[in-house]
Amino acid sequence: MELLDAGGYWYVRFLLQRGLALLYLVAFLVAASQFRALVGEDGLLPIEGYIEAVEFRDRPSLFYFYPSDRVVGLAAWTGVGLAVSALLGVPYLLPEPWPLVASVAIWALLWGLYQSFVNAGRIFYGYGWESMLLETGFLAIFLGAGATGPPVLVIWLVKWALFRNMFGAGLIKMRGDDCWRELTCMDYHYETQPMPNPLSWYAHHLPDRFHRVEVLGNHVVELAIPFLYFAPQPYAAIGGLATIGFQLWLMLTGNFAWLNALTAVQGLTTFSDGVLTTALPLPAASAAPAPLPLQVASVLVATLVVALSGNPVRNMLSTSQTMNTAFDPLHLVNTYGAFGSITTRRYQLVVEGTRADDPDEDDWRAYEFEGQPVRTDERPPQWAPYHLRLDWQLWFAAMQPRPGRRQRWFTAFLADLLENDGSTLSLLRSNPFPDEPPEKVRVRRFRYRYTTPEERAETGEWWERDLVGIYVHSTSLSELRSPTGGRRPGS
């Protein structure tokens, strides 16, 4: 019986652990370089706001008790080290019985440390792939290591997470924007997605017929293919190949942090060692059953997952489906789904500063971001699976003509620019005022659209833009710090 065939997934576990370790490595590198600027002691959303707003049991985090930048840095770089050790397969190098002990310890520490960042990170960590990494990372604790195979129940639990990931995304699209049912969403997506990449312009200009086929294929991969994950081989592997191929296309045409890479890693569980050794030049794997304690633990974990799956399944099947939601403080079993609606216009915030007392238009100089377009003559860069958290929030912010409740960090961001704050400036691509900070800043809101192939051939521009409004009027540091301007808004 396949559910008891632990020896049939040794290679699958090996690849799954390496892929997950690589994504943990990226996630902790992001935390090491960005968390303190965004949510540290003096971040855009200072960490004390998290402590004041929640109870530990609701959003547990190491930083609830140790809210210091030093502890944040120590936790992030510890996570980097643990991820490297998992990536290199350190537990597999140890003599028995230490592979299992080391594996459980490494993956448990990775999960616990990253939990701390997600729960304290608030809006800057409020993405579905954070919960997905935690859910998959929790299951990885029980995969084991060494010469024995993994508990197959855990492999199937990862398949269950993959199913909810894909099927939830498919359902929210069919219930959402009319363009998904009319097969026209991809006419806009590549231009209006959060962070285009170097190939997005080209994908946008593919023929309309191709875009119709894309949307239809999306529905097949997200709504029909997931049921193959639980079928016998080779049908499960066929479903996995379709899913991984779909994720690779998304990775080629956009910057979605590690969402697509993690989904592809989850997709490895649809294979078996028999499929892998048939398709690849690998020797046949011969693994003993998982140790009894690990098998017992896998049954307990499966029982817990089944018990916690009620709310995610009810949400997934509900006509008022909510996307990307965790139903427990530890993000053990979550609901997923994205892009239920597609924006048809792309808006961008252009932040500018000046040192002139009475500036005219030529006196304003623009800040440039790492991922969000500002200059119209630059092709969008590739960043994924690295996650530019400030840039993502700028995309959300630009959807509204004025800063809203979810942009309470924006006042602090502008104040930091007026002080040339090194921590905040590290999140940007360039600072047009390297010697002295500006006297004033303003934020203008533009409509951006891709140039046509003819326009780009003539001008070399990737974007055309039109001013649609003023997001924040010209303001100084004293005005931002006044009672009406505010400083360091909480969460």
Protein backbone atom coordinates (compact mmCIF):
# COMPACT_ATOMS: atom_id res chain seq x y z
CA MET A 1 0.00 0.00 0.00
CA GLU A 2 1.44 3.36 -1.10
CA LEU A 3 0.69 5.17 2.16
CA LEU A 4 2.99 2.75 3.98
CA ASP A 5 5.73 2.60 1.33
CA ALA A 6 8.28 4.83 3.03
CA GLY A 7 11.09 3.60 0.85
CA GLY A 8 9.36 5.02 -2.22
CA TYR A 9 10.08 8.66 -1.35
CA TRP A 10 13.74 8.91 -0.32
CA TYR A 11 14.73 10.93 -3.40
CA VAL A 12 11.54 12.96 -3.17
CA ARG A 13 12.37 13.92 0.41
CA PHE A 14 15.96 14.75 -0.56
CA LEU A 15 14.81 17.17 -3.27
CA LEU A 16 11.97 18.60 -1.18
CA GLN A 17 14.28 19.40 1.72
CA ARG A 18 16.89 21.02 -0.52
CA GLY A 19 14.31 23.16 -2.28
CA LEU A 20 12.70 24.22 0.99
CA ALA A 21 16.09 24.95 2.56
CA LEU A 22 16.98 27.22 -0.35
CA LEU A 23 13.77 29.21 0.09
CA TYR A 24 14.30 29.46 3.85
CA LEU A 25 17.77 30.81 3.05
CA VAL A 26 16.29 33.51 0.82
CA ALA A 27 13.63 34.33 3.43
CA PHE A 28 16.15 34.78 6.23
CA LEU A 29 18.47 36.85 4.01
CA VAL A 30 15.50 39.12 3.32
CA ALA A 31 14.83 39.35 7.06
CA ALA A 32 18.49 40.12 7.78
CA SER A 33 18.57 42.97 5.26
CA GLN A 34 15.07 44.47 5.57
CA PHE A 35 13.28 43.59 8.82
CA ARG A 36 14.99 46.17 11.02
CA ALA A 37 14.35 48.99 8.56
CA LEU A 38 10.72 48.03 8.18
CA VAL A 39 9.69 46.70 11.61
CA GLY A 40 12.70 47.14 13.87
CA GLU A 41 13.11 49.35 16.93
CA ASP A 42 13.05 52.48 14.79
CA GLY A 43 11.46 50.97 11.68
CA LEU A 44 8.64 52.29 9.56
CA LEU A 45 6.29 50.28 11.78
CA PRO A 46 8.24 50.08 15.05
CA ILE A 47 8.16 46.70 16.72
CA GLU A 48 6.72 48.11 19.93
CA GLY A 49 3.48 48.63 17.99
CA TYR A 50 3.23 44.86 17.53
CA ILE A 51 3.77 44.27 21.25
CA GLU A 52 1.15 46.85 22.24
CA ALA A 53 -1.45 45.66 19.72
CA VAL A 54 -1.55 41.89 20.27
CA GLU A 55 -1.31 39.16 22.86
CA PHE A 56 1.55 36.68 22.56
CA ARG A 57 -0.82 33.74 22.24
CA ASP A 58 -2.46 35.36 19.21
CA ARG A 59 0.75 36.11 17.31
CA PRO A 60 3.65 34.37 19.05
CA SER A 61 7.13 35.68 18.33
CA LEU A 62 10.53 35.69 19.97
CA PHE A 63 10.51 39.46 19.47
CA TYR A 64 7.51 39.84 21.76
CA PHE A 65 9.89 39.29 24.67
CA TYR A 66 13.10 40.56 23.05
CA PRO A 67 12.10 43.47 20.79
CA SER A 68 15.60 44.65 19.90
CA ASP A 69 17.39 45.06 16.61
CA ARG A 70 20.26 43.01 17.97
CA VAL A 71 18.01 40.02 18.64
CA VAL A 72 16.39 40.48 15.23
CA GLY A 73 19.80 40.36 13.56
CA LEU A 74 20.89 37.36 15.61
CA ALA A 75 17.68 35.48 14.74
CA ALA A 76 17.98 36.29 11.05
CA TRP A 77 21.59 35.21 10.69
CA THR A 78 20.98 32.12 12.80
CA GLY A 79 18.25 31.26 10.32
CA VAL A 80 20.68 31.79 7.46
CA GLY A 81 23.15 29.39 9.06
CA LEU A 82 20.50 26.75 9.74
CA ALA A 83 19.19 27.03 6.17
CA VAL A 84 22.69 26.56 4.77
CA SER A 85 23.20 23.46 6.93
CA ALA A 86 19.89 22.03 5.69
CA LEU A 87 20.77 22.91 2.10
CA LEU A 88 24.11 21.11 2.42
CA GLY A 89 22.40 18.08 3.96
CA VAL A 90 24.37 18.17 7.21
CA PRO A 91 22.01 15.69 8.98
CA TYR A 92 22.72 13.10 6.27
CA LEU A 93 26.44 13.26 7.05
CA LEU A 94 26.04 12.19 10.67
CA PRO A 95 26.17 8.61 11.99
CA GLU A 96 22.99 6.94 13.19
CA PRO A 97 20.89 7.83 15.15
CA TRP A 98 21.91 11.49 14.82
CA PRO A 99 20.52 12.22 11.32
CA LEU A 100 16.95 12.14 12.63
CA VAL A 101 17.78 14.18 15.74
CA ALA A 102 19.69 16.81 13.76
CA SER A 103 17.01 17.01 11.08
CA VAL A 104 14.17 17.54 13.55
CA ALA A 105 16.20 20.16 15.42
CA ILE A 106 17.23 22.13 12.32
CA TRP A 107 13.80 22.21 10.73
CA ALA A 108 12.06 23.00 14.02
CA LEU A 109 14.41 25.92 14.66
CA LEU A 110 13.94 27.23 11.12
CA TRP A 111 10.18 27.08 11.52
CA GLY A 112 10.16 28.68 14.97
CA LEU A 113 12.51 31.50 14.03
CA TYR A 114 10.66 32.35 10.84
CA GLN A 115 7.37 32.26 12.74
CA SER A 116 8.77 35.09 14.85
CA PHE A 117 9.42 37.27 11.82
CA VAL A 118 6.04 36.62 10.21
CA ASN A 119 3.98 37.25 13.34
CA ALA A 120 5.84 40.45 14.25
CA GLY A 121 6.15 41.71 10.67
CA ARG A 122 2.51 42.79 10.30
CA ILE A 123 1.66 44.37 6.94
CA PHE A 124 5.17 43.87 5.57
CA TYR A 125 4.84 40.11 6.16
CA GLY A 126 1.17 39.78 5.30
CA TYR A 127 1.57 37.66 2.17
CA GLY A 128 0.22 34.21 1.41
CA TRP A 129 3.64 32.76 0.71
CA GLU A 130 4.71 33.52 4.30
CA SER A 131 2.00 31.21 5.69
CA MET A 132 2.74 28.71 2.94
CA LEU A 133 6.43 28.61 3.89
CA LEU A 134 5.53 28.13 7.56
CA GLU A 135 2.99 25.39 6.82
CA THR A 136 5.40 23.49 4.57
CA GLY A 137 8.26 24.14 6.96
CA PHE A 138 6.30 22.69 9.86
CA LEU A 139 5.67 19.48 7.94
CA ALA A 140 9.37 19.30 7.05
CA ILE A 141 10.17 18.82 10.73
CA PHE A 142 8.70 15.32 10.44
CA LEU A 143 10.33 14.19 7.20
CA GLY A 144 13.39 12.67 8.87
CA ALA A 145 16.82 12.15 7.31
CA GLY A 146 19.53 9.56 6.80
CA ALA A 147 19.17 6.08 5.32
CA THR A 148 15.53 5.59 6.32
CA GLY A 149 12.66 6.89 4.22
CA PRO A 150 10.22 9.60 5.25
CA PRO A 151 6.81 8.95 6.77
CA VAL A 152 4.60 8.86 3.70
CA LEU A 153 1.75 10.51 5.62
CA VAL A 154 3.88 13.67 5.75
CA ILE A 155 4.45 13.55 1.99
CA TRP A 156 0.68 13.38 1.55
CA LEU A 157 0.18 16.28 3.95
CA VAL A 158 2.43 18.42 1.74
CA LYS A 159 0.28 17.31 -1.22
CA TRP A 160 -2.76 18.47 0.74
CA ALA A 161 -1.14 21.89 1.24
CA LEU A 162 -0.35 22.00 -2.50
CA PHE A 163 -3.95 21.11 -3.33
CA ARG A 164 -5.34 23.92 -1.18
CA ASN A 165 -2.76 26.29 -2.66
CA MET A 166 -3.71 25.58 -6.27
CA PHE A 167 -7.42 24.80 -5.98
CA GLY A 168 -8.02 27.81 -3.74
CA ALA A 169 -6.34 30.04 -6.32
CA GLY A 170 -8.54 28.59 -9.05
CA LEU A 171 -11.79 29.00 -7.11
CA ILE A 172 -11.15 32.61 -6.13
CA LYS A 173 -10.54 33.49 -9.77
CA MET A 174 -13.76 31.87 -10.99
CA ARG A 175 -15.71 33.70 -8.27
CA GLY A 176 -13.89 36.97 -8.77
CA ASP A 177 -13.25 39.22 -11.71
CA ASP A 178 -15.39 38.75 -14.83
CA CYS A 179 -12.21 38.75 -16.91
CA TRP A 180 -11.35 35.26 -15.62
CA ARG A 181 -14.62 33.92 -17.00
CA GLU A 182 -14.30 35.96 -20.20
CA LEU A 183 -10.68 34.77 -20.66
CA THR A 184 -9.33 38.33 -20.88
CA CYS A 185 -7.42 38.78 -17.61
CA MET A 186 -4.01 38.18 -19.17
CA ASP A 187 -4.61 41.17 -21.47
CA TYR A 188 -3.78 43.30 -18.39
CA HIS A 189 -1.91 41.12 -15.92
CA TYR A 190 1.65 41.44 -17.22
CA GLU A 191 1.41 45.24 -17.21
CA THR A 192 -0.43 45.69 -13.92
CA GLN A 193 1.10 42.89 -11.79
CA PRO A 194 2.83 44.03 -8.59
CA MET A 195 6.37 43.86 -9.92
CA PRO A 196 7.07 43.14 -13.61
CA ASN A 197 10.31 41.42 -14.58
CA PRO A 198 12.53 41.57 -17.71
CA LEU A 199 10.19 39.34 -19.76
CA SER A 200 6.88 40.88 -18.67
CA TRP A 201 6.84 43.48 -21.48
CA TYR A 202 7.30 40.74 -24.06
CA ALA A 203 4.62 38.53 -22.48
CA HIS A 204 2.19 41.45 -22.48
CA HIS A 205 2.60 41.84 -26.24
CA LEU A 206 1.93 38.20 -27.09
CA PRO A 207 -1.12 37.72 -29.37
CA ASP A 208 -4.59 38.02 -27.86
CA ARG A 209 -5.33 34.44 -28.83
CA PHE A 210 -2.35 33.30 -26.75
CA HIS A 211 -3.69 35.22 -23.75
CA ARG A 212 -7.08 33.51 -24.09
CA VAL A 213 -5.37 30.11 -24.12
CA GLU A 214 -3.32 31.20 -21.08
CA VAL A 215 -6.42 31.92 -19.01
CA LEU A 216 -8.08 28.70 -20.08
CA GLY A 217 -4.90 26.79 -19.21
CA ASN A 218 -4.82 28.55 -15.83
CA HIS A 219 -8.30 27.23 -15.04
CA VAL A 220 -7.32 23.69 -16.03
CA VAL A 221 -4.11 23.70 -13.98
CA GLU A 222 -5.70 25.22 -10.89
CA LEU A 223 -9.13 23.57 -10.91
CA ALA A 224 -8.71 20.15 -12.54
CA ILE A 225 -5.06 19.15 -12.28
CA PRO A 226 -4.94 19.29 -8.43
CA PHE A 227 -7.15 16.20 -8.19
CA LEU A 228 -4.39 14.23 -9.94
CA TYR A 229 -2.03 14.80 -7.00
CA PHE A 230 -3.77 11.99 -5.10
CA ALA A 231 -4.07 9.61 -8.07
CA PRO A 232 -1.81 6.57 -8.61
CA GLN A 233 1.39 6.95 -10.60
CA PRO A 234 2.08 8.07 -13.25
CA TYR A 235 -1.03 10.31 -13.11
CA ALA A 236 0.09 12.07 -9.94
CA ALA A 237 3.45 12.85 -11.54
CA ILE A 238 1.69 14.17 -14.64
CA GLY A 239 -0.26 16.53 -12.41
CA GLY A 240 2.96 17.56 -10.71
CA LEU A 241 4.70 18.24 -14.02
CA ALA A 242 1.80 20.41 -15.18
CA THR A 243 1.88 22.35 -11.90
CA ILE A 244 5.65 22.85 -11.91
CA GLY A 245 5.63 23.89 -15.57
CA PHE A 246 2.89 26.42 -14.82
CA GLN A 247 4.90 27.85 -11.91
CA LEU A 248 8.04 28.11 -14.06
CA TRP A 249 6.11 30.19 -16.61
CA LEU A 250 4.95 32.52 -13.83
CA MET A 251 8.53 32.80 -12.58
CA LEU A 252 9.71 33.69 -16.08
CA THR A 253 7.18 36.49 -16.48
CA GLY A 254 6.89 38.13 -13.05
CA ASN A 255 8.39 38.77 -9.62
CA PHE A 256 6.23 37.01 -7.01
CA ALA A 257 8.85 36.50 -4.29
CA TRP A 258 9.03 32.76 -3.57
CA LEU A 259 5.34 31.98 -4.21
CA ASN A 260 5.93 30.12 -7.46
CA ALA A 261 9.21 28.50 -6.38
CA LEU A 262 7.62 27.19 -3.17
CA THR A 263 4.62 25.85 -5.07
CA ALA A 264 7.00 24.04 -7.43
CA VAL A 265 8.86 22.61 -4.43
CA GLN A 266 5.57 21.36 -2.98
CA GLY A 267 4.90 19.83 -6.40
CA LEU A 268 7.85 17.47 -5.93
CA THR A 269 5.68 15.41 -3.59
CA THR A 270 3.55 14.32 -6.56
CA PHE A 271 6.45 12.17 -7.77
CA SER A 272 7.77 8.92 -6.35
CA ASP A 273 11.24 7.45 -6.37
CA GLY A 274 10.05 4.98 -9.00
CA VAL A 275 9.08 7.83 -11.33
CA LEU A 276 12.31 9.72 -10.67
CA THR A 277 14.60 6.73 -11.23
CA THR A 278 12.73 5.91 -14.43
CA ALA A 279 13.01 9.43 -15.80
CA LEU A 280 16.46 10.35 -14.46
CA PRO A 281 19.82 8.57 -14.35
CA LEU A 282 19.52 7.73 -10.66
CA PRO A 283 20.26 4.42 -8.97
CA ALA A 284 17.30 2.69 -7.39
CA ALA A 285 16.75 3.90 -3.84
CA SER A 286 16.62 1.33 -1.08
CA ALA A 287 15.43 2.91 2.15
CA ALA A 288 14.22 1.27 5.32
CA PRO A 289 10.88 2.37 6.81
CA ALA A 290 10.85 5.54 8.86
CA PRO A 291 11.73 5.06 12.55
CA LEU A 292 8.76 4.19 14.73
CA PRO A 293 8.84 7.46 16.74
CA LEU A 294 8.70 9.43 13.50
CA GLN A 295 5.83 7.32 12.20
CA VAL A 296 3.91 7.90 15.43
CA ALA A 297 4.63 11.63 15.19
CA SER A 298 3.41 11.68 11.58
CA VAL A 299 0.08 10.14 12.62
CA LEU A 300 -0.33 12.78 15.33
CA VAL A 301 0.55 15.56 12.89
CA ALA A 302 -1.91 14.18 10.33
CA THR A 303 -4.62 14.12 12.98
CA LEU A 304 -3.85 17.73 13.86
CA VAL A 305 -3.92 18.81 10.20
CA VAL A 306 -7.26 17.09 9.63
CA ALA A 307 -8.70 18.80 12.70
CA LEU A 308 -7.43 22.20 11.59
CA SER A 309 -8.52 21.80 7.96
CA GLY A 310 -12.19 22.51 8.67
CA ASN A 311 -12.03 26.30 8.50
CA PRO A 312 -9.71 26.46 5.46
CA VAL A 313 -11.92 24.02 3.54
CA ARG A 314 -15.11 25.85 4.49
CA ASN A 315 -13.54 29.12 3.39
CA MET A 316 -12.28 27.60 0.15
CA LEU A 317 -15.75 26.31 -0.72
CA SER A 318 -17.57 29.45 0.42
CA THR A 319 -19.00 31.89 -2.11
CA SER A 320 -17.43 34.65 0.01
CA GLN A 321 -14.00 33.01 -0.10
CA THR A 322 -11.21 35.01 1.56
CA MET A 323 -7.74 34.68 0.07
CA ASN A 324 -4.50 33.93 1.92
CA THR A 325 -5.74 33.55 5.48
CA ALA A 326 -4.28 31.76 8.50
CA PHE A 327 -6.82 30.31 10.92
CA ASP A 328 -4.44 29.52 13.76
CA PRO A 329 -1.61 31.56 15.36
CA LEU A 330 1.08 29.14 14.16
CA HIS A 331 0.02 29.11 10.48
CA LEU A 332 -0.26 25.31 10.52
CA VAL A 333 -3.15 24.92 8.05
CA ASN A 334 -4.04 27.91 5.88
CA THR A 335 -6.22 28.93 2.99
CA TYR A 336 -4.70 30.29 -0.20
CA GLY A 337 -5.69 32.04 -3.39
CA ALA A 338 -4.56 35.15 -5.23
CA PHE A 339 -5.52 37.51 -8.05
CA GLY A 340 -9.24 37.02 -7.71
CA SER A 341 -9.44 40.40 -9.41
CA ILE A 342 -7.10 41.96 -11.95
CA THR A 343 -6.44 45.69 -12.14
CA THR A 344 -6.70 47.08 -15.64
CA ARG A 345 -4.56 50.16 -15.01
CA ARG A 346 -1.16 50.45 -13.43
CA TYR A 347 -0.54 53.32 -11.03
CA GLN A 348 2.88 54.21 -9.64
CA LEU A 349 4.03 56.50 -6.85
CA VAL A 350 6.99 58.70 -7.71
CA VAL A 351 8.65 60.12 -4.59
CA GLU A 352 10.64 63.30 -5.18
CA GLY A 353 12.71 65.64 -3.06
CA THR A 354 14.12 69.12 -3.39
CA ARG A 355 16.50 71.42 -1.54
CA ALA A 356 15.02 74.57 -3.06
CA ASP A 357 12.95 76.92 -0.89
CA ASP A 358 10.59 77.79 -3.70
CA PRO A 359 11.05 74.91 -6.14
CA ASP A 360 9.93 74.76 -9.74
CA GLU A 361 9.54 71.48 -11.61
CA ASP A 362 13.23 71.26 -12.52
CA ASP A 363 14.23 71.35 -8.85
CA TRP A 364 12.55 68.06 -7.94
CA ARG A 365 14.63 64.87 -8.08
CA ALA A 366 13.12 61.39 -7.94
CA TYR A 367 14.08 58.52 -5.67
CA GLU A 368 14.42 55.18 -7.44
CA PHE A 369 13.15 51.90 -6.05
CA GLU A 370 14.66 48.46 -6.48
CA GLY A 371 11.68 46.84 -8.17
CA GLN A 372 8.94 49.41 -8.80
CA PRO A 373 9.38 51.34 -12.04
CA VAL A 374 10.17 55.05 -11.85
CA ARG A 375 12.25 55.80 -14.93
CA THR A 376 10.45 55.01 -18.15
CA ASP A 377 13.60 54.01 -20.06
CA GLU A 378 14.60 51.08 -17.80
CA ARG A 379 13.48 47.52 -18.32
CA PRO A 380 11.96 45.96 -15.17
CA PRO A 381 14.55 43.92 -13.22
CA GLN A 382 14.49 40.33 -11.97
CA TRP A 383 14.33 39.90 -8.19
CA ALA A 384 12.26 36.82 -7.36
CA PRO A 385 12.56 34.68 -5.34
CA TYR A 386 14.07 37.53 -3.31
CA HIS A 387 11.29 39.60 -1.76
CA LEU A 388 11.30 43.41 -1.94
CA ARG A 389 8.81 44.14 0.81
CA LEU A 390 8.75 47.94 0.57
CA ASP A 391 8.24 47.77 -3.20
CA TRP A 392 5.27 45.43 -2.83
CA GLN A 393 3.61 47.77 -0.35
CA LEU A 394 4.21 50.70 -2.69
CA TRP A 395 2.25 48.83 -5.38
CA PHE A 396 -0.69 48.40 -3.00
CA ALA A 397 -0.41 52.03 -1.86
CA ALA A 398 -0.59 53.33 -5.44
CA MET A 399 -4.02 51.78 -5.95
CA GLN A 400 -5.61 54.63 -3.97
CA PRO A 401 -5.33 58.38 -4.70
CA ARG A 402 -4.30 59.11 -1.10
CA PRO A 403 -2.57 57.14 1.67
CA GLY A 404 -5.10 54.97 3.46
CA ARG A 405 -5.24 53.16 6.77
CA ARG A 406 -2.90 50.42 5.56
CA GLN A 407 -0.32 53.05 4.60
CA ARG A 408 0.21 54.42 8.10
CA TRP A 409 3.90 53.63 7.64
CA PHE A 410 4.13 56.11 4.76
CA THR A 411 4.53 59.21 6.93
CA ALA A 412 7.51 57.64 8.69
CA PHE A 413 8.95 56.66 5.30
CA LEU A 414 8.84 60.24 4.03
CA ALA A 415 10.24 61.60 7.30
CA ASP A 416 13.18 59.21 7.04
CA LEU A 417 13.90 60.46 3.52
CA LEU A 418 13.97 64.01 4.87
CA GLU A 419 16.59 62.88 7.41
CA ASN A 420 18.62 60.73 4.98
CA ASP A 421 18.01 57.82 7.32
CA GLY A 422 20.49 55.14 6.26
CA SER A 423 18.29 52.23 7.30
CA THR A 424 15.33 53.33 5.20
CA LEU A 425 17.54 54.40 2.29
CA SER A 426 19.00 50.88 2.21
CA LEU A 427 15.61 49.73 0.94
CA LEU A 428 15.87 52.02 -2.09
CA ARG A 429 17.92 51.72 -5.25
CA SER A 430 19.27 55.27 -5.21
CA ASN A 431 19.32 58.42 -3.10
CA PRO A 432 19.43 61.63 -5.17
CA PHE A 433 20.61 63.53 -2.08
CA PRO A 434 23.73 61.68 -0.91
CA ASP A 435 25.37 64.64 0.85
CA GLU A 436 22.50 66.50 2.49
CA PRO A 437 18.86 65.49 2.84
CA PRO A 438 16.16 67.34 0.93
CA GLU A 439 14.22 70.19 2.49
CA LYS A 440 10.92 68.93 1.14
CA VAL A 441 9.42 65.82 -0.41
CA ARG A 442 6.33 65.19 -2.46
CA VAL A 443 4.69 62.12 -3.95
CA ARG A 444 3.03 62.16 -7.36
CA ARG A 445 0.78 59.42 -8.71
CA PHE A 446 1.16 58.38 -12.34
CA ARG A 447 -0.64 56.03 -14.70
CA TYR A 448 2.01 53.77 -16.27
CA ARG A 449 1.49 51.67 -19.36
CA TYR A 450 3.85 49.61 -21.50
CA THR A 451 4.99 51.16 -24.73
CA THR A 452 3.99 49.37 -27.90
CA PRO A 453 6.70 47.55 -29.90
CA GLU A 454 6.63 50.44 -32.37
CA GLU A 455 7.03 53.05 -29.64
CA ARG A 456 9.88 51.16 -28.04
CA ALA A 457 11.66 50.74 -31.37
CA GLU A 458 11.43 54.49 -31.91
CA THR A 459 12.13 55.81 -28.40
CA GLY A 460 13.80 52.97 -26.49
CA GLU A 461 11.27 53.49 -23.68
CA TRP A 462 9.66 50.57 -21.81
CA TRP A 463 6.92 52.69 -20.23
CA GLU A 464 4.71 55.66 -21.00
CA ARG A 465 3.31 57.58 -18.05
CA ASP A 466 0.74 60.28 -17.36
CA LEU A 467 0.31 62.29 -14.17
CA VAL A 468 -3.05 61.58 -12.55
CA GLY A 469 -2.72 63.31 -9.19
CA ILE A 470 -0.74 64.32 -6.13
CA TYR A 471 -0.51 61.54 -3.54
CA VAL A 472 1.27 63.68 -0.91
CA HIS A 473 1.73 67.42 -1.43
CA SER A 474 5.08 69.11 -0.89
CA THR A 475 5.93 68.78 2.79
CA SER A 476 8.84 69.36 5.15
CA LEU A 477 10.12 67.39 8.12
CA SER A 478 8.57 69.81 10.64
CA GLU A 479 5.20 69.49 8.93
CA LEU A 480 5.39 65.68 8.99
CA ARG A 481 6.23 65.71 12.67
CA SER A 482 3.44 68.10 13.59
CA PRO A 483 0.37 66.66 15.36
CA THR A 484 -1.52 66.62 12.07
CA GLY A 485 1.39 65.14 10.12
CA GLY A 486 2.27 62.45 12.61
CA ARG A 487 5.46 60.51 13.13
CA ARG A 488 5.99 56.80 13.45
CA PRO A 489 2.36 55.71 13.02
CA GLY A 490 1.56 52.43 14.71
CA SER A 491 0.13 49.29 13.18
